[in-house]
Amino acid sequence: MMLALLTSGALSSRADDLTAPADSRLDAIVVTAKRHADAVADETIKRQVETALQSDPFFYDEHVTVTIKNGVVTLQGMVFDDWDLRNALRIGRKVPGVKRVVNDLEIKLGGE
């Protein structure tokens, strides 16, 4: 009885091996689709952060660049004082879908 189970298991694993490449291809397609969905979500969040920065009447966003990867926003560029820096971070954090805001802003006092 035990020998029969081992033999049938060996046969079924061979049958599984025949279908494995197809399953692997499907997994690759699913992973690719998920990555594409993540990229679309990141692009949407990026536009929302940029719009929020532009819409704030007390923040000058001309020298700030927004990049995003996996929901993590990075603000790069130049602001004029500590208040602007804190304001940019606050605006970025308020956008839905943002997991974290990374500060890569430089303070140029007086815009020099």
N, C-alpha and C. Protein backbone atom coordinates (compact mmCIF):
# COMPACT_ATOMS: atom_id res chain seq x y z
N MET A 1 0.83 -1.19 0.00
CA MET A 1 0.00 0.00 0.00
C MET A 1 0.87 1.26 0.00
N MET A 2 1.88 1.26 0.83
CA MET A 2 2.77 2.41 0.91
C MET A 2 3.51 2.63 -0.40
N LEU A 3 3.92 1.56 -1.02
CA LEU A 3 4.62 1.65 -2.29
C LEU A 3 3.71 2.22 -3.38
N ALA A 4 2.46 1.86 -3.35
CA ALA A 4 1.51 2.37 -4.33
C ALA A 4 1.31 3.86 -4.17
N LEU A 5 1.27 4.35 -2.95
CA LEU A 5 1.11 5.78 -2.71
C LEU A 5 2.33 6.55 -3.18
N LEU A 6 3.50 6.03 -2.92
CA LEU A 6 4.72 6.69 -3.37
C LEU A 6 4.78 6.74 -4.89
N THR A 7 4.40 5.64 -5.53
CA THR A 7 4.43 5.59 -6.98
C THR A 7 3.43 6.56 -7.57
N SER A 8 2.23 6.58 -7.01
CA SER A 8 1.23 7.51 -7.56
C SER A 8 1.64 8.95 -7.30
N GLY A 9 2.31 9.19 -6.18
CA GLY A 9 2.81 10.54 -5.90
C GLY A 9 3.87 10.95 -6.89
N ALA A 10 4.72 9.99 -7.26
CA ALA A 10 5.76 10.29 -8.24
C ALA A 10 5.15 10.60 -9.60
N LEU A 11 4.10 9.85 -9.95
CA LEU A 11 3.45 10.11 -11.24
C LEU A 11 2.76 11.46 -11.25
N SER A 12 2.09 11.80 -10.13
CA SER A 12 1.38 13.08 -10.11
C SER A 12 2.37 14.23 -10.11
N SER A 13 3.54 14.04 -9.50
CA SER A 13 4.51 15.14 -9.54
C SER A 13 5.04 15.34 -10.95
N ARG A 14 5.15 14.25 -11.72
CA ARG A 14 5.55 14.40 -13.12
C ARG A 14 4.48 15.14 -13.89
N ALA A 15 3.24 14.85 -13.60
CA ALA A 15 2.15 15.55 -14.27
C ALA A 15 2.18 17.02 -13.89
N ASP A 16 2.50 17.31 -12.63
CA ASP A 16 2.60 18.70 -12.20
C ASP A 16 3.76 19.40 -12.90
N ASP A 17 4.84 18.66 -13.14
CA ASP A 17 5.99 19.25 -13.83
C ASP A 17 5.62 19.69 -15.24
N LEU A 18 4.72 18.95 -15.86
CA LEU A 18 4.31 19.31 -17.22
C LEU A 18 3.52 20.61 -17.24
N THR A 19 2.78 20.86 -16.18
CA THR A 19 1.98 22.08 -16.14
C THR A 19 2.71 23.22 -15.45
N ALA A 20 3.84 22.97 -14.83
CA ALA A 20 4.55 24.00 -14.09
C ALA A 20 4.93 25.20 -14.95
N PRO A 21 5.45 25.01 -16.16
CA PRO A 21 5.82 26.19 -16.95
C PRO A 21 4.62 27.11 -17.22
N ALA A 22 3.46 26.53 -17.45
CA ALA A 22 2.28 27.36 -17.69
C ALA A 22 1.93 28.15 -16.44
N ASP A 23 2.00 27.47 -15.27
CA ASP A 23 1.72 28.16 -14.02
C ASP A 23 2.73 29.27 -13.78
N SER A 24 3.98 29.01 -14.09
CA SER A 24 5.02 30.02 -13.91
C SER A 24 4.76 31.23 -14.78
N ARG A 25 4.31 30.98 -16.01
CA ARG A 25 4.01 32.10 -16.90
C ARG A 25 2.85 32.92 -16.35
N LEU A 26 1.85 32.25 -15.80
CA LEU A 26 0.73 32.98 -15.22
C LEU A 26 1.17 33.81 -14.04
N ASP A 27 2.04 33.24 -13.19
CA ASP A 27 2.55 34.00 -12.06
C ASP A 27 3.29 35.24 -12.54
N ALA A 28 4.07 35.10 -13.59
CA ALA A 28 4.81 36.25 -14.13
C ALA A 28 3.85 37.32 -14.64
N ILE A 29 2.78 36.89 -15.26
CA ILE A 29 1.80 37.85 -15.76
C ILE A 29 1.12 38.58 -14.61
N VAL A 30 0.78 37.86 -13.56
CA VAL A 30 0.13 38.48 -12.40
C VAL A 30 1.08 39.46 -11.74
N VAL A 31 2.34 39.10 -11.57
CA VAL A 31 3.31 39.99 -10.95
C VAL A 31 3.49 41.24 -11.80
N THR A 32 3.57 41.09 -13.10
CA THR A 32 3.71 42.24 -13.99
C THR A 32 2.50 43.15 -13.89
N ALA A 33 1.32 42.59 -13.84
CA ALA A 33 0.11 43.40 -13.72
C ALA A 33 0.10 44.15 -12.41
N LYS A 34 0.56 43.53 -11.33
CA LYS A 34 0.60 44.20 -10.03
C LYS A 34 1.60 45.35 -10.07
N ARG A 35 2.76 45.12 -10.68
CA ARG A 35 3.74 46.20 -10.78
C ARG A 35 3.19 47.36 -11.58
N HIS A 36 2.47 47.06 -12.64
CA HIS A 36 1.87 48.11 -13.46
C HIS A 36 0.84 48.88 -12.64
N ALA A 37 0.03 48.17 -11.86
CA ALA A 37 -0.98 48.83 -11.03
C ALA A 37 -0.30 49.72 -9.99
N ASP A 38 0.82 49.25 -9.41
CA ASP A 38 1.56 50.06 -8.45
C ASP A 38 2.10 51.32 -9.10
N ALA A 39 2.60 51.19 -10.32
CA ALA A 39 3.14 52.35 -11.04
C ALA A 39 2.03 53.36 -11.34
N VAL A 40 0.86 52.87 -11.71
CA VAL A 40 -0.27 53.76 -11.97
C VAL A 40 -0.69 54.47 -10.69
N ALA A 41 -0.74 53.72 -9.59
CA ALA A 41 -1.10 54.32 -8.31
C ALA A 41 -0.08 55.37 -7.90
N ASP A 42 1.21 55.06 -8.08
CA ASP A 42 2.26 56.03 -7.76
C ASP A 42 2.12 57.30 -8.60
N GLU A 43 1.84 57.14 -9.88
CA GLU A 43 1.69 58.31 -10.76
C GLU A 43 0.50 59.17 -10.33
N THR A 44 -0.58 58.52 -9.93
CA THR A 44 -1.76 59.25 -9.45
C THR A 44 -1.43 60.02 -8.18
N ILE A 45 -0.75 59.37 -7.24
CA ILE A 45 -0.38 60.03 -5.99
C ILE A 45 0.57 61.18 -6.28
N LYS A 46 1.51 60.99 -7.19
CA LYS A 46 2.45 62.06 -7.54
C LYS A 46 1.71 63.29 -8.04
N ARG A 47 0.76 63.08 -8.94
CA ARG A 47 -0.03 64.22 -9.46
C ARG A 47 -0.81 64.90 -8.34
N GLN A 48 -1.34 64.12 -7.41
CA GLN A 48 -2.10 64.70 -6.30
C GLN A 48 -1.21 65.52 -5.38
N VAL A 49 0.01 65.03 -5.12
CA VAL A 49 0.95 65.79 -4.28
C VAL A 49 1.35 67.08 -4.98
N GLU A 50 1.67 66.99 -6.27
CA GLU A 50 2.04 68.20 -7.02
C GLU A 50 0.90 69.21 -7.04
N THR A 51 -0.31 68.74 -7.24
CA THR A 51 -1.47 69.63 -7.25
C THR A 51 -1.67 70.26 -5.88
N ALA A 52 -1.50 69.49 -4.83
CA ALA A 52 -1.66 70.02 -3.47
C ALA A 52 -0.62 71.09 -3.17
N LEU A 53 0.62 70.85 -3.61
CA LEU A 53 1.67 71.85 -3.40
C LEU A 53 1.37 73.12 -4.19
N GLN A 54 0.92 72.98 -5.43
CA GLN A 54 0.61 74.15 -6.27
C GLN A 54 -0.60 74.91 -5.75
N SER A 55 -1.55 74.20 -5.15
CA SER A 55 -2.80 74.82 -4.70
C SER A 55 -2.65 75.56 -3.38
N ASP A 56 -1.63 75.26 -2.62
CA ASP A 56 -1.46 75.92 -1.33
C ASP A 56 -1.03 77.37 -1.56
N PRO A 57 -1.83 78.33 -1.07
CA PRO A 57 -1.53 79.75 -1.35
C PRO A 57 -0.28 80.26 -0.63
N PHE A 58 0.21 79.52 0.37
CA PHE A 58 1.36 79.99 1.14
C PHE A 58 2.65 79.24 0.82
N PHE A 59 2.60 78.39 -0.23
CA PHE A 59 3.79 77.62 -0.58
C PHE A 59 4.17 77.88 -2.03
N TYR A 60 5.44 78.23 -2.23
CA TYR A 60 5.96 78.46 -3.58
C TYR A 60 6.64 77.17 -4.03
N ASP A 61 6.01 76.47 -4.97
CA ASP A 61 6.45 75.13 -5.36
C ASP A 61 7.34 75.10 -6.60
N GLU A 62 7.69 76.23 -7.11
CA GLU A 62 8.42 76.30 -8.38
C GLU A 62 9.75 75.55 -8.35
N HIS A 63 10.37 75.45 -7.19
CA HIS A 63 11.70 74.83 -7.08
C HIS A 63 11.66 73.46 -6.41
N VAL A 64 10.47 72.84 -6.36
CA VAL A 64 10.32 71.55 -5.69
C VAL A 64 9.91 70.49 -6.71
N THR A 65 10.60 69.37 -6.69
CA THR A 65 10.30 68.24 -7.55
C THR A 65 9.77 67.09 -6.69
N VAL A 66 8.72 66.44 -7.17
CA VAL A 66 8.13 65.32 -6.46
C VAL A 66 8.45 64.03 -7.20
N THR A 67 9.00 63.06 -6.48
CA THR A 67 9.17 61.71 -7.02
C THR A 67 8.52 60.74 -6.05
N ILE A 68 8.12 59.59 -6.55
CA ILE A 68 7.43 58.63 -5.70
C ILE A 68 7.76 57.21 -6.13
N LYS A 69 7.87 56.34 -5.15
CA LYS A 69 8.06 54.92 -5.42
C LYS A 69 7.40 54.14 -4.28
N ASN A 70 6.46 53.29 -4.66
CA ASN A 70 5.74 52.45 -3.70
C ASN A 70 5.08 53.26 -2.59
N GLY A 71 4.55 54.42 -2.94
CA GLY A 71 3.84 55.24 -1.97
C GLY A 71 4.72 56.13 -1.12
N VAL A 72 6.03 56.07 -1.32
CA VAL A 72 6.97 56.91 -0.57
C VAL A 72 7.32 58.12 -1.43
N VAL A 73 6.93 59.29 -0.97
CA VAL A 73 7.14 60.53 -1.70
C VAL A 73 8.49 61.13 -1.30
N THR A 74 9.26 61.57 -2.28
CA THR A 74 10.51 62.29 -2.02
C THR A 74 10.36 63.69 -2.59
N LEU A 75 10.57 64.67 -1.73
CA LEU A 75 10.53 66.08 -2.15
C LEU A 75 11.97 66.55 -2.30
N GLN A 76 12.32 67.01 -3.50
CA GLN A 76 13.67 67.47 -3.79
C GLN A 76 13.60 68.90 -4.29
N GLY A 77 14.67 69.64 -4.01
CA GLY A 77 14.74 70.99 -4.53
C GLY A 77 15.09 71.99 -3.45
N MET A 78 14.51 73.17 -3.59
CA MET A 78 14.88 74.29 -2.73
C MET A 78 13.65 74.99 -2.19
N VAL A 79 13.71 75.33 -0.91
CA VAL A 79 12.69 76.18 -0.29
C VAL A 79 13.42 77.36 0.36
N PHE A 80 12.66 78.37 0.79
CA PHE A 80 13.29 79.60 1.25
C PHE A 80 13.48 79.70 2.75
N ASP A 81 12.75 78.91 3.53
CA ASP A 81 12.95 78.93 4.98
C ASP A 81 12.39 77.66 5.60
N ASP A 82 12.59 77.55 6.91
CA ASP A 82 12.15 76.37 7.65
C ASP A 82 10.63 76.20 7.57
N TRP A 83 9.90 77.31 7.57
CA TRP A 83 8.45 77.25 7.48
C TRP A 83 8.02 76.58 6.16
N ASP A 84 8.64 76.96 5.06
CA ASP A 84 8.32 76.35 3.77
C ASP A 84 8.62 74.85 3.78
N LEU A 85 9.74 74.47 4.40
CA LEU A 85 10.10 73.07 4.46
C LEU A 85 9.04 72.27 5.23
N ARG A 86 8.68 72.77 6.39
CA ARG A 86 7.64 72.08 7.20
C ARG A 86 6.30 72.05 6.48
N ASN A 87 5.97 73.12 5.80
CA ASN A 87 4.72 73.20 5.06
C ASN A 87 4.69 72.16 3.92
N ALA A 88 5.79 72.03 3.20
CA ALA A 88 5.87 71.06 2.09
C ALA A 88 5.69 69.64 2.61
N LEU A 89 6.34 69.32 3.72
CA LEU A 89 6.20 67.98 4.30
C LEU A 89 4.77 67.73 4.77
N ARG A 90 4.17 68.74 5.39
CA ARG A 90 2.79 68.61 5.87
C ARG A 90 1.83 68.38 4.70
N ILE A 91 2.00 69.14 3.64
CA ILE A 91 1.13 69.00 2.46
C ILE A 91 1.28 67.60 1.87
N GLY A 92 2.51 67.13 1.75
CA GLY A 92 2.76 65.81 1.19
C GLY A 92 2.13 64.70 2.01
N ARG A 93 2.20 64.81 3.32
CA ARG A 93 1.65 63.77 4.21
C ARG A 93 0.13 63.70 4.16
N LYS A 94 -0.51 64.80 3.82
CA LYS A 94 -1.98 64.84 3.83
C LYS A 94 -2.63 64.15 2.63
N VAL A 95 -1.86 63.86 1.60
CA VAL A 95 -2.41 63.25 0.39
C VAL A 95 -2.68 61.76 0.67
N PRO A 96 -3.91 61.30 0.36
CA PRO A 96 -4.24 59.89 0.59
C PRO A 96 -3.35 58.96 -0.24
N GLY A 97 -2.89 57.89 0.38
CA GLY A 97 -2.04 56.92 -0.30
C GLY A 97 -0.56 57.12 -0.06
N VAL A 98 -0.17 58.26 0.51
CA VAL A 98 1.23 58.52 0.81
C VAL A 98 1.59 57.77 2.09
N LYS A 99 2.59 56.91 1.98
CA LYS A 99 3.03 56.14 3.14
C LYS A 99 4.03 56.92 3.99
N ARG A 100 4.88 57.68 3.30
CA ARG A 100 5.94 58.42 3.99
C ARG A 100 6.42 59.53 3.08
N VAL A 101 6.93 60.60 3.67
CA VAL A 101 7.50 61.70 2.89
C VAL A 101 8.97 61.82 3.28
N VAL A 102 9.83 61.74 2.27
CA VAL A 102 11.27 61.87 2.49
C VAL A 102 11.68 63.29 2.12
N ASN A 103 12.38 63.94 3.04
CA ASN A 103 12.81 65.31 2.85
C ASN A 103 14.18 65.35 2.20
N ASP A 104 14.25 65.83 0.99
CA ASP A 104 15.51 66.07 0.31
C ASP A 104 15.53 67.52 -0.17
N LEU A 105 14.92 68.39 0.64
CA LEU A 105 14.83 69.81 0.31
C LEU A 105 15.99 70.56 0.95
N GLU A 106 16.43 71.58 0.27
CA GLU A 106 17.51 72.42 0.74
C GLU A 106 16.94 73.79 1.04
N ILE A 107 17.35 74.38 2.17
CA ILE A 107 16.87 75.71 2.53
C ILE A 107 17.87 76.75 2.02
N LYS A 108 17.37 77.66 1.19
CA LYS A 108 18.18 78.79 0.70
C LYS A 108 17.57 80.05 1.28
N LEU A 109 18.17 80.58 2.30
CA LEU A 109 17.63 81.77 2.97
C LEU A 109 17.54 82.94 2.01
N GLY A 110 16.38 83.51 1.90
CA GLY A 110 16.16 84.65 1.04
C GLY A 110 16.19 84.30 -0.44
N GLY A 111 16.21 83.02 -0.77
CA GLY A 111 16.21 82.61 -2.15
C GLY A 111 17.55 82.73 -2.82
N GLU A 112 18.62 82.88 -2.03
CA GLU A 112 19.97 83.05 -2.60
C GLU A 112 20.55 81.73 -3.04
